[in-house]
Amino acid sequence: MNFPIDDKGRYVRIPTPLKREAKQNRTITNSINLIDQHKHFIAWYQKKLGLSDYGLLWFIFFKGIILALLLERLISH
């Protein structure tokens, strides 16, 4: 195993990240993983329905309207 050596031939200590930084990096990694999973799901959904990007936008728009109307109906009655 080769360890880093400075210009005087001494071994250089590699700084380890603080626990706080490691936890923050893990959170960022989890967020990126969630975003990637969401993009994969959208692509799968779009391919399954056979929709273009524009068609998918309209489909989601009308789906949102229907969901809002159903929620409004449940809450107000």
PDB file of N, CA and C in Angstrom:
ATOM      1  N   MET A   1       0.849  -1.166   0.000  1.00  0.00           N
ATOM      2  CA  MET A   1       0.000   0.000   0.000  1.00  0.00           C
ATOM      3  C   MET A   1       0.896   1.230   0.000  1.00  0.00           C
ATOM      4  N   ASN A   2       0.645   2.143  -0.906  1.00  0.00           N
ATOM      5  CA  ASN A   2       1.443   3.365  -1.007  1.00  0.00           C
ATOM      6  C   ASN A   2       0.756   4.487  -0.253  1.00  0.00           C
ATOM      7  N   PHE A   3       1.478   5.072   0.693  1.00  0.00           N
ATOM      8  CA  PHE A   3       0.962   6.203   1.439  1.00  0.00           C
ATOM      9  C   PHE A   3       1.555   7.476   0.858  1.00  0.00           C
ATOM     10  N   PRO A   4       0.802   8.593   0.891  1.00  0.00           N
ATOM     11  CA  PRO A   4       1.344   9.836   0.348  1.00  0.00           C
ATOM     12  C   PRO A   4       2.548  10.339   1.153  1.00  0.00           C
ATOM     13  N   ILE A   5       3.541  10.833   0.449  1.00  0.00           N
ATOM     14  CA  ILE A   5       4.779  11.338   1.061  1.00  0.00           C
ATOM     15  C   ILE A   5       4.983  12.769   0.590  1.00  0.00           C
ATOM     16  N   ASP A   6       5.395  13.650   1.531  1.00  0.00           N
ATOM     17  CA  ASP A   6       5.665  15.033   1.138  1.00  0.00           C
ATOM     18  C   ASP A   6       7.050  15.140   0.502  1.00  0.00           C
ATOM     19  N   ASP A   7       7.482  16.366   0.181  1.00  0.00           N
ATOM     20  CA  ASP A   7       8.749  16.561  -0.527  1.00  0.00           C
ATOM     21  C   ASP A   7       9.975  16.221   0.324  1.00  0.00           C
ATOM     22  N   LYS A   8       9.826  16.088   1.650  1.00  0.00           N
ATOM     23  CA  LYS A   8      10.946  15.727   2.520  1.00  0.00           C
ATOM     24  C   LYS A   8      10.976  14.229   2.839  1.00  0.00           C
ATOM     25  N   GLY A   9      10.072  13.457   2.241  1.00  0.00           N
ATOM     26  CA  GLY A   9      10.056  12.023   2.458  1.00  0.00           C
ATOM     27  C   GLY A   9       9.252  11.579   3.653  1.00  0.00           C
ATOM     28  N   ARG A  10       8.510  12.494   4.283  1.00  0.00           N
ATOM     29  CA  ARG A  10       7.679  12.137   5.433  1.00  0.00           C
ATOM     30  C   ARG A  10       6.286  11.734   4.964  1.00  0.00           C
ATOM     31  N   TYR A  11       5.713  10.817   5.732  1.00  0.00           N
ATOM     32  CA  TYR A  11       4.346  10.417   5.406  1.00  0.00           C
ATOM     33  C   TYR A  11       3.383  11.553   5.729  1.00  0.00           C
ATOM     34  N   VAL A  12       2.432  11.751   4.861  1.00  0.00           N
ATOM     35  CA  VAL A  12       1.443  12.813   5.028  1.00  0.00           C
ATOM     36  C   VAL A  12       0.162  12.198   5.575  1.00  0.00           C
ATOM     37  N   ARG A  13      -0.374  12.850   6.580  1.00  0.00           N
ATOM     38  CA  ARG A  13      -1.635  12.375   7.164  1.00  0.00           C
ATOM     39  C   ARG A  13      -2.787  12.863   6.299  1.00  0.00           C
ATOM     40  N   ILE A  14      -3.651  11.929   5.934  1.00  0.00           N
ATOM     41  CA  ILE A  14      -4.813  12.281   5.124  1.00  0.00           C
ATOM     42  C   ILE A  14      -5.929  12.682   6.076  1.00  0.00           C
ATOM     43  N   PRO A  15      -6.452  13.903   5.935  1.00  0.00           N
ATOM     44  CA  PRO A  15      -7.521  14.320   6.851  1.00  0.00           C
ATOM     45  C   PRO A  15      -8.799  13.522   6.609  1.00  0.00           C
ATOM     46  N   THR A  16      -9.423  13.117   7.687  1.00  0.00           N
ATOM     47  CA  THR A  16     -10.694  12.402   7.588  1.00  0.00           C
ATOM     48  C   THR A  16     -11.814  13.402   7.800  1.00  0.00           C
ATOM     49  N   PRO A  17     -12.936  13.209   7.114  1.00  0.00           N
ATOM     50  CA  PRO A  17     -14.032  14.166   7.283  1.00  0.00           C
ATOM     51  C   PRO A  17     -14.635  14.052   8.681  1.00  0.00           C
ATOM     52  N   LEU A  18     -15.123  15.172   9.171  1.00  0.00           N
ATOM     53  CA  LEU A  18     -15.794  15.184  10.454  1.00  0.00           C
ATOM     54  C   LEU A  18     -17.114  14.436  10.340  1.00  0.00           C
ATOM     55  N   LYS A  19     -17.614  13.940  11.454  1.00  0.00           N
ATOM     56  CA  LYS A  19     -18.875  13.198  11.429  1.00  0.00           C
ATOM     57  C   LYS A  19     -19.999  14.062  10.877  1.00  0.00           C
ATOM     58  N   ARG A  20     -19.963  15.333  11.198  1.00  0.00           N
ATOM     59  CA  ARG A  20     -20.999  16.246  10.729  1.00  0.00           C
ATOM     60  C   ARG A  20     -20.971  16.325   9.207  1.00  0.00           C
ATOM     61  N   GLU A  21     -19.781  16.435   8.616  1.00  0.00           N
ATOM     62  CA  GLU A  21     -19.654  16.505   7.167  1.00  0.00           C
ATOM     63  C   GLU A  21     -20.067  15.189   6.522  1.00  0.00           C
ATOM     64  N   ALA A  22     -19.720  14.089   7.142  1.00  0.00           N
ATOM     65  CA  ALA A  22     -20.091  12.788   6.597  1.00  0.00           C
ATOM     66  C   ALA A  22     -21.610  12.629   6.592  1.00  0.00           C
ATOM     67  N   LYS A  23     -22.265  13.079   7.667  1.00  0.00           N
ATOM     68  CA  LYS A  23     -23.718  12.988   7.728  1.00  0.00           C
ATOM     69  C   LYS A  23     -24.357  13.870   6.674  1.00  0.00           C
ATOM     70  N   GLN A  24     -23.814  15.058   6.456  1.00  0.00           N
ATOM     71  CA  GLN A  24     -24.344  15.965   5.458  1.00  0.00           C
ATOM     72  C   GLN A  24     -24.179  15.361   4.060  1.00  0.00           C
ATOM     73  N   ASN A  25     -23.019  14.757   3.793  1.00  0.00           N
ATOM     74  CA  ASN A  25     -22.799  14.133   2.499  1.00  0.00           C
ATOM     75  C   ASN A  25     -23.766  12.973   2.288  1.00  0.00           C
ATOM     76  N   ARG A  26     -24.053  12.223   3.331  1.00  0.00           N
ATOM     77  CA  ARG A  26     -24.993  11.113   3.231  1.00  0.00           C
ATOM     78  C   ARG A  26     -26.378  11.632   2.898  1.00  0.00           C
ATOM     79  N   THR A  27     -26.782  12.756   3.500  1.00  0.00           N
ATOM     80  CA  THR A  27     -28.085  13.341   3.227  1.00  0.00           C
ATOM     81  C   THR A  27     -28.166  13.793   1.778  1.00  0.00           C
ATOM     82  N   ILE A  28     -27.114  14.415   1.279  1.00  0.00           N
ATOM     83  CA  ILE A  28     -27.088  14.847  -0.109  1.00  0.00           C
ATOM     84  C   ILE A  28     -27.167  13.643  -1.033  1.00  0.00           C
ATOM     85  N   THR A  29     -26.446  12.581  -0.712  1.00  0.00           N
ATOM     86  CA  THR A  29     -26.472  11.371  -1.524  1.00  0.00           C
ATOM     87  C   THR A  29     -27.866  10.764  -1.535  1.00  0.00           C
ATOM     88  N   ASN A  30     -28.532  10.728  -0.383  1.00  0.00           N
ATOM     89  CA  ASN A  30     -29.893  10.195  -0.320  1.00  0.00           C
ATOM     90  C   ASN A  30     -30.854  11.044  -1.137  1.00  0.00           C
ATOM     91  N   SER A  31     -30.684  12.372  -1.109  1.00  0.00           N
ATOM     92  CA  SER A  31     -31.539  13.254  -1.886  1.00  0.00           C
ATOM     93  C   SER A  31     -31.346  13.019  -3.371  1.00  0.00           C
ATOM     94  N   ILE A  32     -30.094  12.886  -3.798  1.00  0.00           N
ATOM     95  CA  ILE A  32     -29.812  12.638  -5.207  1.00  0.00           C
ATOM     96  C   ILE A  32     -30.384  11.288  -5.620  1.00  0.00           C
ATOM     97  N   ASN A  33     -30.274  10.282  -4.756  1.00  0.00           N
ATOM     98  CA  ASN A  33     -30.815   8.970  -5.047  1.00  0.00           C
ATOM     99  C   ASN A  33     -32.338   9.050  -5.195  1.00  0.00           C
ATOM    100  N   LEU A  34     -33.009   9.820  -4.356  1.00  0.00           N
ATOM    101  CA  LEU A  34     -34.452   9.977  -4.435  1.00  0.00           C
ATOM    102  C   LEU A  34     -34.835  10.662  -5.747  1.00  0.00           C
ATOM    103  N   ILE A  35     -34.083  11.670  -6.147  1.00  0.00           N
ATOM    104  CA  ILE A  35     -34.351  12.372  -7.405  1.00  0.00           C
ATOM    105  C   ILE A  35     -34.172  11.423  -8.583  1.00  0.00           C
ATOM    106  N   ASP A  36     -33.105  10.621  -8.559  1.00  0.00           N
ATOM    107  CA  ASP A  36     -32.882   9.656  -9.631  1.00  0.00           C
ATOM    108  C   ASP A  36     -34.010   8.632  -9.695  1.00  0.00           C
ATOM    109  N   GLN A  37     -34.480   8.161  -8.553  1.00  0.00           N
ATOM    110  CA  GLN A  37     -35.587   7.216  -8.528  1.00  0.00           C
ATOM    111  C   GLN A  37     -36.856   7.848  -9.095  1.00  0.00           C
ATOM    112  N   HIS A  38     -37.091   9.109  -8.768  1.00  0.00           N
ATOM    113  CA  HIS A  38     -38.271   9.808  -9.261  1.00  0.00           C
ATOM    114  C   HIS A  38     -38.200   9.976 -10.777  1.00  0.00           C
ATOM    115  N   LYS A  39     -37.034  10.348 -11.295  1.00  0.00           N
ATOM    116  CA  LYS A  39     -36.868  10.479 -12.747  1.00  0.00           C
ATOM    117  C   LYS A  39     -37.080   9.139 -13.446  1.00  0.00           C
ATOM    118  N   HIS A  40     -36.572   8.070 -12.843  1.00  0.00           N
ATOM    119  CA  HIS A  40     -36.744   6.737 -13.415  1.00  0.00           C
ATOM    120  C   HIS A  40     -38.225   6.356 -13.433  1.00  0.00           C
ATOM    121  N   PHE A  41     -38.943   6.649 -12.357  1.00  0.00           N
ATOM    122  CA  PHE A  41     -40.368   6.336 -12.286  1.00  0.00           C
ATOM    123  C   PHE A  41     -41.154   7.112 -13.335  1.00  0.00           C
ATOM    124  N   ILE A  42     -40.833   8.391 -13.513  1.00  0.00           N
ATOM    125  CA  ILE A  42     -41.538   9.201 -14.510  1.00  0.00           C
ATOM    126  C   ILE A  42     -41.293   8.646 -15.912  1.00  0.00           C
ATOM    127  N   ALA A  43     -40.050   8.287 -16.215  1.00  0.00           N
ATOM    128  CA  ALA A  43     -39.733   7.720 -17.531  1.00  0.00           C
ATOM    129  C   ALA A  43     -40.472   6.401 -17.740  1.00  0.00           C
ATOM    130  N   TRP A  44     -40.535   5.556 -16.709  1.00  0.00           N
ATOM    131  CA  TRP A  44     -41.246   4.281 -16.807  1.00  0.00           C
ATOM    132  C   TRP A  44     -42.734   4.514 -17.039  1.00  0.00           C
ATOM    133  N   TYR A  45     -43.310   5.451 -16.288  1.00  0.00           N
ATOM    134  CA  TYR A  45     -44.728   5.786 -16.375  1.00  0.00           C
ATOM    135  C   TYR A  45     -45.061   6.305 -17.769  1.00  0.00           C
ATOM    136  N   GLN A  46     -44.213   7.170 -18.288  1.00  0.00           N
ATOM    137  CA  GLN A  46     -44.410   7.759 -19.608  1.00  0.00           C
ATOM    138  C   GLN A  46     -44.324   6.687 -20.698  1.00  0.00           C
ATOM    139  N   LYS A  47     -43.372   5.789 -20.574  1.00  0.00           N
ATOM    140  CA  LYS A  47     -43.204   4.725 -21.567  1.00  0.00           C
ATOM    141  C   LYS A  47     -44.384   3.756 -21.512  1.00  0.00           C
ATOM    142  N   LYS A  48     -44.855   3.431 -20.306  1.00  0.00           N
ATOM    143  CA  LYS A  48     -45.968   2.498 -20.140  1.00  0.00           C
ATOM    144  C   LYS A  48     -47.242   3.049 -20.775  1.00  0.00           C
ATOM    145  N   LEU A  49     -47.476   4.359 -20.611  1.00  0.00           N
ATOM    146  CA  LEU A  49     -48.671   4.968 -21.190  1.00  0.00           C
ATOM    147  C   LEU A  49     -48.484   5.353 -22.659  1.00  0.00           C
ATOM    148  N   GLY A  50     -47.251   5.357 -23.130  1.00  0.00           N
ATOM    149  CA  GLY A  50     -46.979   5.713 -24.528  1.00  0.00           C
ATOM    150  C   GLY A  50     -47.220   7.182 -24.818  1.00  0.00           C
ATOM    151  N   LEU A  51     -46.868   8.056 -23.882  1.00  0.00           N
ATOM    152  CA  LEU A  51     -47.107   9.486 -24.039  1.00  0.00           C
ATOM    153  C   LEU A  51     -45.823  10.234 -24.375  1.00  0.00           C
ATOM    154  N   SER A  52     -45.978  11.333 -25.114  1.00  0.00           N
ATOM    155  CA  SER A  52     -44.848  12.233 -25.341  1.00  0.00           C
ATOM    156  C   SER A  52     -44.673  13.091 -24.091  1.00  0.00           C
ATOM    157  N   ASP A  53     -43.638  13.920 -24.079  1.00  0.00           N
ATOM    158  CA  ASP A  53     -43.438  14.817 -22.933  1.00  0.00           C
ATOM    159  C   ASP A  53     -44.633  15.758 -22.781  1.00  0.00           C
ATOM    160  N   TYR A  54     -45.097  16.298 -23.905  1.00  0.00           N
ATOM    161  CA  TYR A  54     -46.224  17.222 -23.889  1.00  0.00           C
ATOM    162  C   TYR A  54     -47.502  16.520 -23.421  1.00  0.00           C
ATOM    163  N   GLY A  55     -47.730  15.312 -23.909  1.00  0.00           N
ATOM    164  CA  GLY A  55     -48.905  14.545 -23.502  1.00  0.00           C
ATOM    165  C   GLY A  55     -48.871  14.209 -22.025  1.00  0.00           C
ATOM    166  N   LEU A  56     -47.685  13.889 -21.519  1.00  0.00           N
ATOM    167  CA  LEU A  56     -47.546  13.585 -20.092  1.00  0.00           C
ATOM    168  C   LEU A  56     -47.871  14.803 -19.237  1.00  0.00           C
ATOM    169  N   LEU A  57     -47.444  15.978 -19.679  1.00  0.00           N
ATOM    170  CA  LEU A  57     -47.758  17.208 -18.937  1.00  0.00           C
ATOM    171  C   LEU A  57     -49.266  17.436 -18.857  1.00  0.00           C
ATOM    172  N   TRP A  58     -49.981  17.257 -19.975  1.00  0.00           N
ATOM    173  CA  TRP A  58     -51.428  17.421 -19.961  1.00  0.00           C
ATOM    174  C   TRP A  58     -52.095  16.372 -19.085  1.00  0.00           C
ATOM    175  N   PHE A  59     -51.618  15.148 -19.154  1.00  0.00           N
ATOM    176  CA  PHE A  59     -52.185  14.071 -18.337  1.00  0.00           C
ATOM    177  C   PHE A  59     -52.050  14.398 -16.855  1.00  0.00           C
ATOM    178  N   ILE A  60     -50.876  14.828 -16.447  1.00  0.00           N
ATOM    179  CA  ILE A  60     -50.648  15.174 -15.034  1.00  0.00           C
ATOM    180  C   ILE A  60     -51.472  16.397 -14.627  1.00  0.00           C
ATOM    181  N   PHE A  61     -51.658  17.350 -15.556  1.00  0.00           N
ATOM    182  CA  PHE A  61     -52.469  18.530 -15.275  1.00  0.00           C
ATOM    183  C   PHE A  61     -53.905  18.120 -14.952  1.00  0.00           C
ATOM    184  N   PHE A  62     -54.488  17.294 -15.816  1.00  0.00           N
ATOM    185  CA  PHE A  62     -55.871  16.868 -15.589  1.00  0.00           C
ATOM    186  C   PHE A  62     -55.989  15.942 -14.380  1.00  0.00           C
ATOM    187  N   LYS A  63     -54.977  15.148 -14.147  1.00  0.00           N
ATOM    188  CA  LYS A  63     -54.966  14.303 -12.956  1.00  0.00           C
ATOM    189  C   LYS A  63     -54.991  15.169 -11.690  1.00  0.00           C
ATOM    190  N   GLY A  64     -54.248  16.267 -11.706  1.00  0.00           N
ATOM    191  CA  GLY A  64     -54.242  17.196 -10.576  1.00  0.00           C
ATOM    192  C   GLY A  64     -55.582  17.868 -10.367  1.00  0.00           C
ATOM    193  N   ILE A  65     -56.251  18.224 -11.468  1.00  0.00           N
ATOM    194  CA  ILE A  65     -57.578  18.841 -11.361  1.00  0.00           C
ATOM    195  C   ILE A  65     -58.565  17.854 -10.742  1.00  0.00           C
ATOM    196  N   ILE A  66     -58.552  16.625 -11.221  1.00  0.00           N
ATOM    197  CA  ILE A  66     -59.473  15.612 -10.689  1.00  0.00           C
ATOM    198  C   ILE A  66     -59.200  15.366  -9.207  1.00  0.00           C
ATOM    199  N   LEU A  67     -57.937  15.267  -8.842  1.00  0.00           N
ATOM    200  CA  LEU A  67     -57.590  15.049  -7.429  1.00  0.00           C
ATOM    201  C   LEU A  67     -58.043  16.229  -6.564  1.00  0.00           C
ATOM    202  N   ALA A  68     -57.847  17.453  -7.057  1.00  0.00           N
ATOM    203  CA  ALA A  68     -58.268  18.640  -6.299  1.00  0.00           C
ATOM    204  C   ALA A  68     -59.782  18.664  -6.129  1.00  0.00           C
ATOM    205  N   LEU A  69     -60.522  18.301  -7.188  1.00  0.00           N
ATOM    206  CA  LEU A  69     -61.978  18.277  -7.086  1.00  0.00           C
ATOM    207  C   LEU A  69     -62.452  17.213  -6.092  1.00  0.00           C
ATOM    208  N   LEU A  70     -61.817  16.041  -6.133  1.00  0.00           N
ATOM    209  CA  LEU A  70     -62.185  14.983  -5.178  1.00  0.00           C
ATOM    210  C   LEU A  70     -61.913  15.408  -3.740  1.00  0.00           C
ATOM    211  N   LEU A  71     -60.734  15.995  -3.494  1.00  0.00           N
ATOM    212  CA  LEU A  71     -60.418  16.460  -2.144  1.00  0.00           C
ATOM    213  C   LEU A  71     -61.378  17.541  -1.684  1.00  0.00           C
ATOM    214  N   GLU A  72     -61.707  18.461  -2.584  1.00  0.00           N
ATOM    215  CA  GLU A  72     -62.638  19.535  -2.243  1.00  0.00           C
ATOM    216  C   GLU A  72     -64.007  18.957  -1.894  1.00  0.00           C
ATOM    217  N   ARG A  73     -64.411  17.948  -2.653  1.00  0.00           N
ATOM    218  CA  ARG A  73     -65.712  17.303  -2.432  1.00  0.00           C
ATOM    219  C   ARG A  73     -65.735  16.590  -1.074  1.00  0.00           C
ATOM    220  N   LEU A  74     -64.625  15.915  -0.733  1.00  0.00           N
ATOM    221  CA  LEU A  74     -64.564  15.216   0.553  1.00  0.00           C
ATOM    222  C   LEU A  74     -64.520  16.170   1.738  1.00  0.00           C
ATOM    223  N   ILE A  75     -63.839  17.268   1.592  1.00  0.00           N
ATOM    224  CA  ILE A  75     -63.678  18.210   2.695  1.00  0.00           C
ATOM    225  C   ILE A  75     -64.938  19.048   2.922  1.00  0.00           C
ATOM    226  N   SER A  76     -65.564  19.479   1.830  1.00  0.00           N
ATOM    227  CA  SER A  76     -66.696  20.397   1.989  1.00  0.00           C
ATOM    228  C   SER A  76     -68.019  19.678   2.275  1.00  0.00           C
ATOM    229  N   HIS A  77     -68.110  18.382   2.063  1.00  0.00           N
ATOM    230  CA  HIS A  77     -69.375  17.674   2.301  1.00  0.00           C
ATOM    231  C   HIS A  77     -69.242  16.671   3.393  1.00  0.00           C
TER     232      HIS A  77
END
